[in-house]
PDB file of N, CA and C in Angstrom:
ATOM      1  N   UNK A   1       0.800  -1.117  -0.042  1.00  0.00           N
ATOM      2  CA  UNK A   1      -0.204   0.028  -0.050  1.00  0.00           C
ATOM      3  C   UNK A   1       0.818   1.329  -0.038  1.00  0.00           C
ATOM      4  N   UNK A   2       1.833   1.305   1.029  1.00  0.00           N
ATOM      5  CA  UNK A   2       2.689   2.494   0.927  1.00  0.00           C
ATOM      6  C   UNK A   2       3.487   2.519  -0.137  1.00  0.00           C
ATOM      7  N   UNK A   3       4.068   1.314  -0.589  1.00  0.00           N
ATOM      8  CA  UNK A   3       5.190   1.235  -1.731  1.00  0.00           C
ATOM      9  C   UNK A   3       4.232   1.811  -2.953  1.00  0.00           C
ATOM     10  N   UNK A   4       2.917   1.693  -3.243  1.00  0.00           N
ATOM     11  CA  UNK A   4       2.321   2.014  -4.152  1.00  0.00           C
ATOM     12  C   UNK A   4       2.099   3.442  -4.043  1.00  0.00           C
ATOM     13  N   UNK A   5       1.728   4.041  -3.152  1.00  0.00           N
ATOM     14  CA  UNK A   5       1.634   5.340  -2.991  1.00  0.00           C
ATOM     15  C   UNK A   5       3.046   6.210  -3.463  1.00  0.00           C
ATOM     16  N   UNK A   6       4.150   5.657  -2.725  1.00  0.00           N
ATOM     17  CA  UNK A   6       5.391   6.314  -3.218  1.00  0.00           C
ATOM     18  C   UNK A   6       5.617   5.947  -4.649  1.00  0.00           C
ATOM     19  N   UNK A   7       5.370   5.063  -5.115  1.00  0.00           N
ATOM     20  CA  UNK A   7       5.600   4.752  -6.537  1.00  0.00           C
ATOM     21  C   UNK A   7       4.760   5.803  -7.177  1.00  0.00           C
ATOM     22  N   UNK A   8       3.602   6.044  -7.033  1.00  0.00           N
ATOM     23  CA  UNK A   8       2.522   6.976  -7.722  1.00  0.00           C
ATOM     24  C   UNK A   8       3.399   8.274  -7.501  1.00  0.00           C
ATOM     25  N   UNK A   9       3.709   8.782  -6.412  1.00  0.00           N
ATOM     26  CA  UNK A   9       4.359  10.205  -6.142  1.00  0.00           C
ATOM     27  C   UNK A   9       5.650  10.249  -7.093  1.00  0.00           C
ATOM     28  N   UNK A  10       6.283   9.260  -7.077  1.00  0.00           N
ATOM     29  CA  UNK A  10       7.456   9.308  -8.000  1.00  0.00           C
ATOM     30  C   UNK A  10       7.209   9.408  -9.574  1.00  0.00           C
ATOM     31  N   UNK A  11       6.240   8.680  -9.862  1.00  0.00           N
ATOM     32  CA  UNK A  11       5.893   8.825 -11.179  1.00  0.00           C
ATOM     33  C   UNK A  11       5.199  10.346 -11.445  1.00  0.00           C
ATOM     34  N   UNK A  12       4.471  11.022 -10.601  1.00  0.00           N
ATOM     35  CA  UNK A  12       3.980  12.358 -10.820  1.00  0.00           C
ATOM     36  C   UNK A  12       5.138  13.432 -10.783  1.00  0.00           C
ATOM     37  N   UNK A  13       6.219  13.024 -10.142  1.00  0.00           N
ATOM     38  CA  UNK A  13       7.115  14.025  -9.859  1.00  0.00           C
ATOM     39  C   UNK A  13       8.053  13.802 -11.255  1.00  0.00           C
ATOM     40  N   UNK A  14       8.220  12.692 -11.682  1.00  0.00           N
ATOM     41  CA  UNK A  14       8.721  12.268 -13.020  1.00  0.00           C
ATOM     42  C   UNK A  14       8.280  12.955 -14.232  1.00  0.00           C
ATOM     43  N   UNK A  15       6.957  13.025 -14.070  1.00  0.00           N
ATOM     44  CA  UNK A  15       5.948  13.433 -15.273  1.00  0.00           C
ATOM     45  C   UNK A  15       6.022  15.090 -15.191  1.00  0.00           C
ATOM     46  N   UNK A  16       6.101  15.757 -13.928  1.00  0.00           N
ATOM     47  CA  UNK A  16       6.304  17.217 -14.016  1.00  0.00           C
ATOM     48  C   UNK A  16       7.431  17.575 -14.391  1.00  0.00           C
ATOM     49  N   UNK A  17       8.861  16.864 -13.868  1.00  0.00           N
ATOM     50  CA  UNK A  17       9.850  17.140 -14.516  1.00  0.00           C
ATOM     51  C   UNK A  17      10.020  17.148 -16.152  1.00  0.00           C
ATOM     52  N   UNK A  18       9.362  16.165 -16.566  1.00  0.00           N
ATOM     53  CA  UNK A  18       9.488  15.985 -18.018  1.00  0.00           C
ATOM     54  C   UNK A  18       8.487  17.188 -18.774  1.00  0.00           C
ATOM     55  N   UNK A  19       7.349  17.411 -18.254  1.00  0.00           N
ATOM     56  CA  UNK A  19       6.555  18.471 -18.841  1.00  0.00           C
ATOM     57  C   UNK A  19       7.438  19.897 -18.367  1.00  0.00           C
ATOM     58  N   UNK A  20       8.076  20.183 -17.575  1.00  0.00           N
ATOM     59  CA  UNK A  20       8.990  21.279 -17.421  1.00  0.00           C
ATOM     60  C   UNK A  20      10.105  21.230 -18.529  1.00  0.00           C
ATOM     61  N   UNK A  21      10.747  20.310 -18.798  1.00  0.00           N
ATOM     62  CA  UNK A  21      11.746  20.089 -19.614  1.00  0.00           C
ATOM     63  C   UNK A  21      11.083  20.485 -21.201  1.00  0.00           C
ATOM     64  N   UNK A  22      10.069  19.839 -21.234  1.00  0.00           N
ATOM     65  CA  UNK A  22       9.287  19.940 -22.713  1.00  0.00           C
ATOM     66  C   UNK A  22       8.880  21.233 -22.857  1.00  0.00           C
ATOM     67  N   UNK A  23       8.359  22.039 -21.749  1.00  0.00           N
ATOM     68  CA  UNK A  23       8.252  23.557 -21.959  1.00  0.00           C
ATOM     69  C   UNK A  23       9.519  24.463 -22.054  1.00  0.00           C
ATOM     70  N   UNK A  24      10.562  23.962 -21.391  1.00  0.00           N
ATOM     71  CA  UNK A  24      11.640  24.846 -21.659  1.00  0.00           C
ATOM     72  C   UNK A  24      12.288  24.643 -22.944  1.00  0.00           C
ATOM     73  N   UNK A  25      12.188  23.554 -23.513  1.00  0.00           N
ATOM     74  CA  UNK A  25      12.351  23.302 -25.220  1.00  0.00           C
ATOM     75  C   UNK A  25      11.607  24.442 -26.209  1.00  0.00           C
ATOM     76  N   UNK A  26      10.256  24.339 -25.761  1.00  0.00           N
ATOM     77  CA  UNK A  26       9.331  25.141 -26.488  1.00  0.00           C
ATOM     78  C   UNK A  26       9.594  26.401 -26.289  1.00  0.00           C
ATOM     79  N   UNK A  27       9.962  26.845 -24.981  1.00  0.00           N
ATOM     80  CA  UNK A  27      10.452  28.369 -24.682  1.00  0.00           C
ATOM     81  C   UNK A  27      11.684  28.838 -25.641  1.00  0.00           C
ATOM     82  N   UNK A  28      12.593  27.736 -25.495  1.00  0.00           N
ATOM     83  CA  UNK A  28      13.998  28.110 -26.468  1.00  0.00           C
ATOM     84  C   UNK A  28      13.553  28.371 -28.011  1.00  0.00           C
ATOM     85  N   UNK A  29      12.575  27.772 -28.539  1.00  0.00           N
ATOM     86  CA  UNK A  29      12.369  28.094 -30.040  1.00  0.00           C
ATOM     87  C   UNK A  29      11.464  29.224 -29.981  1.00  0.00           C
ATOM     88  N   UNK A  30      10.922  29.737 -29.009  1.00  0.00           N
ATOM     89  CA  UNK A  30      10.139  31.105 -29.254  1.00  0.00           C
ATOM     90  C   UNK A  30      10.929  32.487 -29.401  1.00  0.00           C
ATOM     91  N   UNK A  31      10.441  33.423 -29.887  1.00  0.00           N
ATOM     92  CA  UNK A  31      11.275  34.823 -29.901  1.00  0.00           C
ATOM     93  C   UNK A  31      11.313  35.081 -28.368  1.00  0.00           C
ATOM     94  N   UNK A  32      12.253  36.152 -28.570  1.00  0.00           N
ATOM     95  CA  UNK A  32      12.603  36.831 -27.130  1.00  0.00           C
ATOM     96  C   UNK A  32      11.194  37.312 -26.686  1.00  0.00           C
ATOM     97  N   UNK A  33      10.640  38.134 -27.545  1.00  0.00           N
ATOM     98  CA  UNK A  33       9.501  38.782 -26.984  1.00  0.00           C
ATOM     99  C   UNK A  33       8.044  37.916 -26.629  1.00  0.00           C
ATOM    100  N   UNK A  34       8.260  36.839 -27.247  1.00  0.00           N
ATOM    101  CA  UNK A  34       7.073  35.875 -26.911  1.00  0.00           C
ATOM    102  C   UNK A  34       7.537  35.242 -25.570  1.00  0.00           C
ATOM    103  N   UNK A  35       8.878  34.937 -25.482  1.00  0.00           N
ATOM    104  CA  UNK A  35       9.117  34.230 -24.319  1.00  0.00           C
ATOM    105  C   UNK A  35       8.871  35.394 -22.943  1.00  0.00           C
ATOM    106  N   UNK A  36       9.051  36.707 -23.302  1.00  0.00           N
ATOM    107  CA  UNK A  36       8.798  37.500 -22.290  1.00  0.00           C
ATOM    108  C   UNK A  36       7.252  37.436 -21.825  1.00  0.00           C
ATOM    109  N   UNK A  37       6.601  37.630 -23.022  1.00  0.00           N
ATOM    110  CA  UNK A  37       5.069  37.509 -22.611  1.00  0.00           C
ATOM    111  C   UNK A  37       4.575  36.246 -22.012  1.00  0.00           C
ATOM    112  N   UNK A  38       5.322  34.996 -22.302  1.00  0.00           N
ATOM    113  CA  UNK A  38       4.812  34.023 -21.595  1.00  0.00           C
ATOM    114  C   UNK A  38       5.030  33.853 -20.262  1.00  0.00           C
ATOM    115  N   UNK A  39       6.546  34.393 -19.949  1.00  0.00           N
ATOM    116  CA  UNK A  39       7.021  34.471 -18.586  1.00  0.00           C
ATOM    117  C   UNK A  39       6.182  35.373 -17.850  1.00  0.00           C
ATOM    118  N   UNK A  40       5.812  36.636 -18.456  1.00  0.00           N
ATOM    119  CA  UNK A  40       4.701  37.619 -17.648  1.00  0.00           C
ATOM    120  C   UNK A  40       3.495  36.915 -17.323  1.00  0.00           C
ATOM    121  N   UNK A  41       2.765  36.388 -18.353  1.00  0.00           N
ATOM    122  CA  UNK A  41       1.611  35.502 -18.286  1.00  0.00           C
ATOM    123  C   UNK A  41       1.530  34.606 -17.287  1.00  0.00           C
ATOM    124  N   UNK A  42       2.753  33.638 -17.040  1.00  0.00           N
ATOM    125  CA  UNK A  42       2.869  32.488 -16.029  1.00  0.00           C
ATOM    126  C   UNK A  42       2.906  33.245 -14.724  1.00  0.00           C
ATOM    127  N   UNK A  43       3.678  34.593 -14.613  1.00  0.00           N
ATOM    128  CA  UNK A  43       3.606  35.122 -13.322  1.00  0.00           C
ATOM    129  C   UNK A  43       2.280  35.692 -12.936  1.00  0.00           C
ATOM    130  N   UNK A  44       1.495  36.142 -13.951  1.00  0.00           N
ATOM    131  CA  UNK A  44       0.140  36.683 -13.495  1.00  0.00           C
ATOM    132  C   UNK A  44      -0.659  35.459 -13.109  1.00  0.00           C
ATOM    133  N   UNK A  45      -0.819  34.512 -14.128  1.00  0.00           N
ATOM    134  CA  UNK A  45      -1.788  33.503 -14.155  1.00  0.00           C
ATOM    135  C   UNK A  45      -1.546  32.727 -12.817  1.00  0.00           C
ATOM    136  N   UNK A  46      -0.476  32.064 -13.002  1.00  0.00           N
ATOM    137  CA  UNK A  46      -0.493  31.242 -11.348  1.00  0.00           C
ATOM    138  C   UNK A  46       0.999  31.332 -10.674  1.00  0.00           C
ATOM    139  N   UNK A  47       0.779  31.542  -9.359  1.00  0.00           N
ATOM    140  CA  UNK A  47       2.052  31.906  -8.652  1.00  0.00           C
ATOM    141  C   UNK A  47       3.132  30.502  -8.718  1.00  0.00           C
ATOM    142  N   UNK A  48       2.614  29.241  -9.065  1.00  0.00           N
ATOM    143  CA  UNK A  48       3.203  28.186  -9.074  1.00  0.00           C
ATOM    144  C   UNK A  48       4.208  28.241 -10.274  1.00  0.00           C
ATOM    145  N   UNK A  49       5.410  27.228 -10.101  1.00  0.00           N
ATOM    146  CA  UNK A  49       6.363  27.248 -11.169  1.00  0.00           C
ATOM    147  C   UNK A  49       7.624  27.880 -10.918  1.00  0.00           C
ATOM    148  N   UNK A  50       7.930  27.943  -9.794  1.00  0.00           N
ATOM    149  CA  UNK A  50       9.255  28.451  -9.521  1.00  0.00           C
ATOM    150  C   UNK A  50       9.522  30.104  -9.731  1.00  0.00           C
ATOM    151  N   UNK A  51       8.365  30.812 -10.386  1.00  0.00           N
ATOM    152  CA  UNK A  51       8.777  31.964 -10.826  1.00  0.00           C
ATOM    153  C   UNK A  51       9.457  32.320 -12.037  1.00  0.00           C
ATOM    154  N   UNK A  52       9.467  31.189 -12.881  1.00  0.00           N
ATOM    155  CA  UNK A  52      10.259  31.339 -13.938  1.00  0.00           C
ATOM    156  C   UNK A  52       9.518  32.121 -15.146  1.00  0.00           C
TER     157      UNK A  52
END
């Protein structure tokens, strides 16, 4: 039971890391203006995400 919960938490953390990496790759492809707008929107929209 406990192991299953821990495995689920591990999977969730790995998925979160992968989605962050994917988002960073997408951001690299964007132009500088789009990047700034995206960062500003992320700050306004949700405080979560490390403030990047």
